[in-house]
Amino acid sequence: MTMNVGFENLSIRSKTGLYPEEKLLGNHFDVSLKVAFPITEKIITDMNETIDYAHLVTITREIFSTDEDLLETVAQKIIQKISNVWPNINGIDLSIRKLKPLTLPMVGSTVVELRTGCFETRTSLTEVSMQETNSQSIAITQSKIAN
């Protein structure tokens, strides 16, 4: 069995960004994170048997405080730190959104997502719909060719 622990929509203000105006003014970020870890059928009754989501928030804030140039760097450092603290996890699903990026005022947000372990094969609903549509189109085309 696997259990997921994490948080959604953590609001962070940071000077993470490549451009001088981002370093000066900072950006607003929205972070969501899930960590999967193995469990047994035994009921969890002790914090040492789970992942402390408050610690996950602390790690995320700590990494953002370094004001890296790239969100990709921040994402990888968060993943590395979590993996070092909890080496037996099954995977991490991390999404970082830069809200209303200063250098792209016409864009609502930019996003970096990083998935490891059991989350790597996760398919979004949009991807599933596109795969189903493509499969149906292929089947219709093959039927027309056969006739």
C-alpha atoms as a PDB file:
ATOM      1  CA  MET A   1       0.000   0.000   0.000  1.00  0.00           C
ATOM      2  CA  THR A   2       1.019   3.566  -0.624  1.00  0.00           C
ATOM      3  CA  MET A   3      -0.086   6.762   1.092  1.00  0.00           C
ATOM      4  CA  ASN A   4       0.276  10.282  -0.301  1.00  0.00           C
ATOM      5  CA  VAL A   5       0.986  13.234   1.969  1.00  0.00           C
ATOM      6  CA  GLY A   6       1.553  16.830   0.949  1.00  0.00           C
ATOM      7  CA  PHE A   7      -0.006  20.218   0.437  1.00  0.00           C
ATOM      8  CA  GLU A   8      -1.716  22.260  -2.252  1.00  0.00           C
ATOM      9  CA  ASN A   9      -1.538  25.906  -3.179  1.00  0.00           C
ATOM     10  CA  LEU A  10       1.262  27.031  -0.877  1.00  0.00           C
ATOM     11  CA  SER A  11       1.689  30.740  -1.572  1.00  0.00           C
ATOM     12  CA  ILE A  12       5.308  31.898  -1.683  1.00  0.00           C
ATOM     13  CA  ARG A  13       6.862  35.233  -2.562  1.00  0.00           C
ATOM     14  CA  SER A  14      10.435  34.904  -3.784  1.00  0.00           C
ATOM     15  CA  LYS A  15      13.024  36.649  -5.895  1.00  0.00           C
ATOM     16  CA  THR A  16      13.491  33.445  -7.875  1.00  0.00           C
ATOM     17  CA  GLY A  17      13.787  34.432 -11.527  1.00  0.00           C
ATOM     18  CA  LEU A  18      16.238  34.985 -14.320  1.00  0.00           C
ATOM     19  CA  TYR A  19      15.597  38.652 -15.085  1.00  0.00           C
ATOM     20  CA  PRO A  20      16.753  41.725 -13.104  1.00  0.00           C
ATOM     21  CA  GLU A  21      13.192  42.949 -12.459  1.00  0.00           C
ATOM     22  CA  GLU A  22      12.349  39.549 -10.936  1.00  0.00           C
ATOM     23  CA  LYS A  23      15.391  39.753  -8.672  1.00  0.00           C
ATOM     24  CA  LEU A  24      14.380  43.262  -7.612  1.00  0.00           C
ATOM     25  CA  LEU A  25      10.592  42.934  -7.271  1.00  0.00           C
ATOM     26  CA  GLY A  26      10.165  39.203  -6.730  1.00  0.00           C
ATOM     27  CA  ASN A  27       7.383  36.936  -7.953  1.00  0.00           C
ATOM     28  CA  HIS A  28       4.402  35.157  -6.456  1.00  0.00           C
ATOM     29  CA  PHE A  29       4.452  31.365  -6.649  1.00  0.00           C
ATOM     30  CA  ASP A  30       1.874  28.673  -6.002  1.00  0.00           C
ATOM     31  CA  VAL A  31       3.318  25.297  -5.019  1.00  0.00           C
ATOM     32  CA  SER A  32       1.598  21.925  -4.714  1.00  0.00           C
ATOM     33  CA  LEU A  33       3.430  18.826  -3.559  1.00  0.00           C
ATOM     34  CA  LYS A  34       2.626  15.168  -2.894  1.00  0.00           C
ATOM     35  CA  VAL A  35       4.975  12.555  -1.484  1.00  0.00           C
ATOM     36  CA  ALA A  36       4.087   8.859  -1.770  1.00  0.00           C
ATOM     37  CA  PHE A  37       5.432   6.458   0.807  1.00  0.00           C
ATOM     38  CA  PRO A  38       4.893   2.775   1.566  1.00  0.00           C
ATOM     39  CA  ILE A  39       2.650   1.777   4.458  1.00  0.00           C
ATOM     40  CA  THR A  40       1.498  -1.485   5.967  1.00  0.00           C
ATOM     41  CA  GLU A  41      -2.013  -2.364   7.050  1.00  0.00           C
ATOM     42  CA  LYS A  42      -1.122  -1.210  10.564  1.00  0.00           C
ATOM     43  CA  ILE A  43      -2.905   2.029  11.491  1.00  0.00           C
ATOM     44  CA  ILE A  44      -0.490   4.977  11.618  1.00  0.00           C
ATOM     45  CA  THR A  45      -0.478   6.417  15.127  1.00  0.00           C
ATOM     46  CA  ASP A  46       2.961   8.022  15.366  1.00  0.00           C
ATOM     47  CA  MET A  47       4.491  10.900  13.412  1.00  0.00           C
ATOM     48  CA  ASN A  48       7.601   8.765  12.773  1.00  0.00           C
ATOM     49  CA  GLU A  49       5.431   6.438  10.654  1.00  0.00           C
ATOM     50  CA  THR A  50       4.421   9.141   8.179  1.00  0.00           C
ATOM     51  CA  ILE A  51       5.723  12.186   6.308  1.00  0.00           C
ATOM     52  CA  ASP A  52       5.374  15.490   8.166  1.00  0.00           C
ATOM     53  CA  TYR A  53       3.672  17.847   5.699  1.00  0.00           C
ATOM     54  CA  ALA A  54       4.695  20.826   7.843  1.00  0.00           C
ATOM     55  CA  HIS A  55       8.320  19.761   7.251  1.00  0.00           C
ATOM     56  CA  LEU A  56       7.571  19.575   3.512  1.00  0.00           C
ATOM     57  CA  VAL A  57       6.407  23.212   3.645  1.00  0.00           C
ATOM     58  CA  THR A  58       9.561  24.193   5.559  1.00  0.00           C
ATOM     59  CA  ILE A  59      11.788  22.492   2.976  1.00  0.00           C
ATOM     60  CA  THR A  60       9.957  24.208   0.124  1.00  0.00           C
ATOM     61  CA  ARG A  61      10.220  27.652   1.730  1.00  0.00           C
ATOM     62  CA  GLU A  62      13.896  27.051   2.537  1.00  0.00           C
ATOM     63  CA  ILE A  63      14.751  26.213  -1.082  1.00  0.00           C
ATOM     64  CA  PHE A  64      12.787  29.205  -2.403  1.00  0.00           C
ATOM     65  CA  SER A  65      14.697  31.526  -0.053  1.00  0.00           C
ATOM     66  CA  THR A  66      17.895  30.900  -2.060  1.00  0.00           C
ATOM     67  CA  ASP A  67      16.476  33.007  -4.942  1.00  0.00           C
ATOM     68  CA  GLU A  68      17.660  30.767  -7.771  1.00  0.00           C
ATOM     69  CA  ASP A  69      17.521  31.903 -11.401  1.00  0.00           C
ATOM     70  CA  LEU A  70      15.434  28.980 -12.680  1.00  0.00           C
ATOM     71  CA  LEU A  71      12.290  27.297 -11.386  1.00  0.00           C
ATOM     72  CA  GLU A  72      13.715  24.042 -12.720  1.00  0.00           C
ATOM     73  CA  THR A  73      16.618  24.421 -10.272  1.00  0.00           C
ATOM     74  CA  VAL A  74      14.224  25.081  -7.388  1.00  0.00           C
ATOM     75  CA  ALA A  75      12.125  22.026  -8.307  1.00  0.00           C
ATOM     76  CA  GLN A  76      15.141  19.733  -8.484  1.00  0.00           C
ATOM     77  CA  LYS A  77      16.529  21.012  -5.173  1.00  0.00           C
ATOM     78  CA  ILE A  78      13.182  20.452  -3.444  1.00  0.00           C
ATOM     79  CA  ILE A  79      13.053  16.893  -4.799  1.00  0.00           C
ATOM     80  CA  GLN A  80      16.672  16.220  -3.720  1.00  0.00           C
ATOM     81  CA  LYS A  81      16.129  17.544  -0.200  1.00  0.00           C
ATOM     82  CA  ILE A  82      12.920  15.541   0.327  1.00  0.00           C
ATOM     83  CA  SER A  83      14.596  12.404  -1.032  1.00  0.00           C
ATOM     84  CA  ASN A  84      17.500  12.894   1.381  1.00  0.00           C
ATOM     85  CA  VAL A  85      15.228  13.400   4.405  1.00  0.00           C
ATOM     86  CA  TRP A  86      12.935  10.449   3.503  1.00  0.00           C
ATOM     87  CA  PRO A  87      15.007   8.016   1.391  1.00  0.00           C
ATOM     88  CA  ASN A  88      12.305   5.297   1.328  1.00  0.00           C
ATOM     89  CA  ILE A  89       9.615   7.284  -0.479  1.00  0.00           C
ATOM     90  CA  ASN A  90       7.905   5.896  -3.593  1.00  0.00           C
ATOM     91  CA  GLY A  91       7.710   9.174  -5.495  1.00  0.00           C
ATOM     92  CA  ILE A  92       7.187  12.927  -5.499  1.00  0.00           C
ATOM     93  CA  ASP A  93       4.737  15.026  -7.520  1.00  0.00           C
ATOM     94  CA  LEU A  94       5.713  18.717  -7.522  1.00  0.00           C
ATOM     95  CA  SER A  95       4.038  21.602  -9.337  1.00  0.00           C
ATOM     96  CA  ILE A  96       5.333  25.186  -9.172  1.00  0.00           C
ATOM     97  CA  ARG A  97       3.401  28.024 -10.796  1.00  0.00           C
ATOM     98  CA  LYS A  98       4.800  31.514 -11.220  1.00  0.00           C
ATOM     99  CA  LEU A  99       1.684  33.674 -10.990  1.00  0.00           C
ATOM    100  CA  LYS A 100       1.423  36.687 -13.310  1.00  0.00           C
ATOM    101  CA  PRO A 101       5.072  36.592 -14.415  1.00  0.00           C
ATOM    102  CA  LEU A 102       6.584  40.075 -14.614  1.00  0.00           C
ATOM    103  CA  THR A 103       8.277  39.397 -17.947  1.00  0.00           C
ATOM    104  CA  LEU A 104       5.145  37.863 -19.554  1.00  0.00           C
ATOM    105  CA  PRO A 105       2.247  40.129 -18.536  1.00  0.00           C
ATOM    106  CA  MET A 106      -0.125  38.454 -21.008  1.00  0.00           C
ATOM    107  CA  VAL A 107       0.299  35.066 -19.294  1.00  0.00           C
ATOM    108  CA  GLY A 108      -1.652  34.088 -16.166  1.00  0.00           C
ATOM    109  CA  SER A 109       1.072  31.744 -14.941  1.00  0.00           C
ATOM    110  CA  THR A 110       4.027  29.673 -15.999  1.00  0.00           C
ATOM    111  CA  VAL A 111       4.568  26.203 -14.602  1.00  0.00           C
ATOM    112  CA  VAL A 112       7.299  23.700 -13.846  1.00  0.00           C
ATOM    113  CA  GLU A 113       6.236  20.191 -12.873  1.00  0.00           C
ATOM    114  CA  LEU A 114       8.508  17.417 -11.722  1.00  0.00           C
ATOM    115  CA  ARG A 115       7.404  13.863 -10.991  1.00  0.00           C
ATOM    116  CA  THR A 116       9.482  11.007  -9.662  1.00  0.00           C
ATOM    117  CA  GLY A 117       8.880   7.353  -8.883  1.00  0.00           C
ATOM    118  CA  CYS A 118       5.262   6.220  -8.864  1.00  0.00           C
ATOM    119  CA  PHE A 119       4.075   9.638 -10.091  1.00  0.00           C
ATOM    120  CA  GLU A 120       6.122   9.530 -13.312  1.00  0.00           C
ATOM    121  CA  THR A 121       3.517   7.496 -15.162  1.00  0.00           C
ATOM    122  CA  ARG A 122       0.614   9.696 -14.073  1.00  0.00           C
ATOM    123  CA  THR A 123      -1.371  10.878 -17.059  1.00  0.00           C
ATOM    124  CA  SER A 124      -3.419  14.052 -16.940  1.00  0.00           C
ATOM    125  CA  LEU A 125      -7.104  14.001 -17.902  1.00  0.00           C
ATOM    126  CA  THR A 126      -6.306  16.112 -20.959  1.00  0.00           C
ATOM    127  CA  GLU A 127      -3.717  13.564 -22.113  1.00  0.00           C
ATOM    128  CA  VAL A 128      -6.201  10.714 -21.584  1.00  0.00           C
ATOM    129  CA  SER A 129      -8.859  12.541 -23.628  1.00  0.00           C
ATOM    130  CA  MET A 130      -6.360  13.224 -26.401  1.00  0.00           C
ATOM    131  CA  GLN A 131      -5.242   9.566 -26.424  1.00  0.00           C
ATOM    132  CA  GLU A 132      -8.869   8.372 -26.597  1.00  0.00           C
ATOM    133  CA  THR A 133      -9.650  10.818 -29.405  1.00  0.00           C
ATOM    134  CA  ASN A 134      -6.539   9.764 -31.336  1.00  0.00           C
ATOM    135  CA  SER A 135      -7.400   6.068 -30.852  1.00  0.00           C
ATOM    136  CA  GLN A 136     -10.937   6.654 -32.136  1.00  0.00           C
ATOM    137  CA  SER A 137      -9.621   8.595 -35.131  1.00  0.00           C
ATOM    138  CA  ILE A 138      -7.160   5.818 -35.964  1.00  0.00           C
ATOM    139  CA  ALA A 139      -9.908   3.184 -35.701  1.00  0.00           C
ATOM    140  CA  ILE A 140     -12.243   5.215 -37.968  1.00  0.00           C
ATOM    141  CA  THR A 141      -9.446   5.782 -40.519  1.00  0.00           C
ATOM    142  CA  GLN A 142      -8.533   2.070 -40.524  1.00  0.00           C
ATOM    143  CA  SER A 143     -12.223   1.167 -41.005  1.00  0.00           C
ATOM    144  CA  LYS A 144     -12.519   3.523 -43.994  1.00  0.00           C
ATOM    145  CA  ILE A 145      -9.345   2.114 -45.546  1.00  0.00           C
ATOM    146  CA  ALA A 146     -10.604  -1.471 -45.107  1.00  0.00           C
ATOM    147  CA  ASN A 147     -13.891  -0.623 -46.821  1.00  0.00           C
END
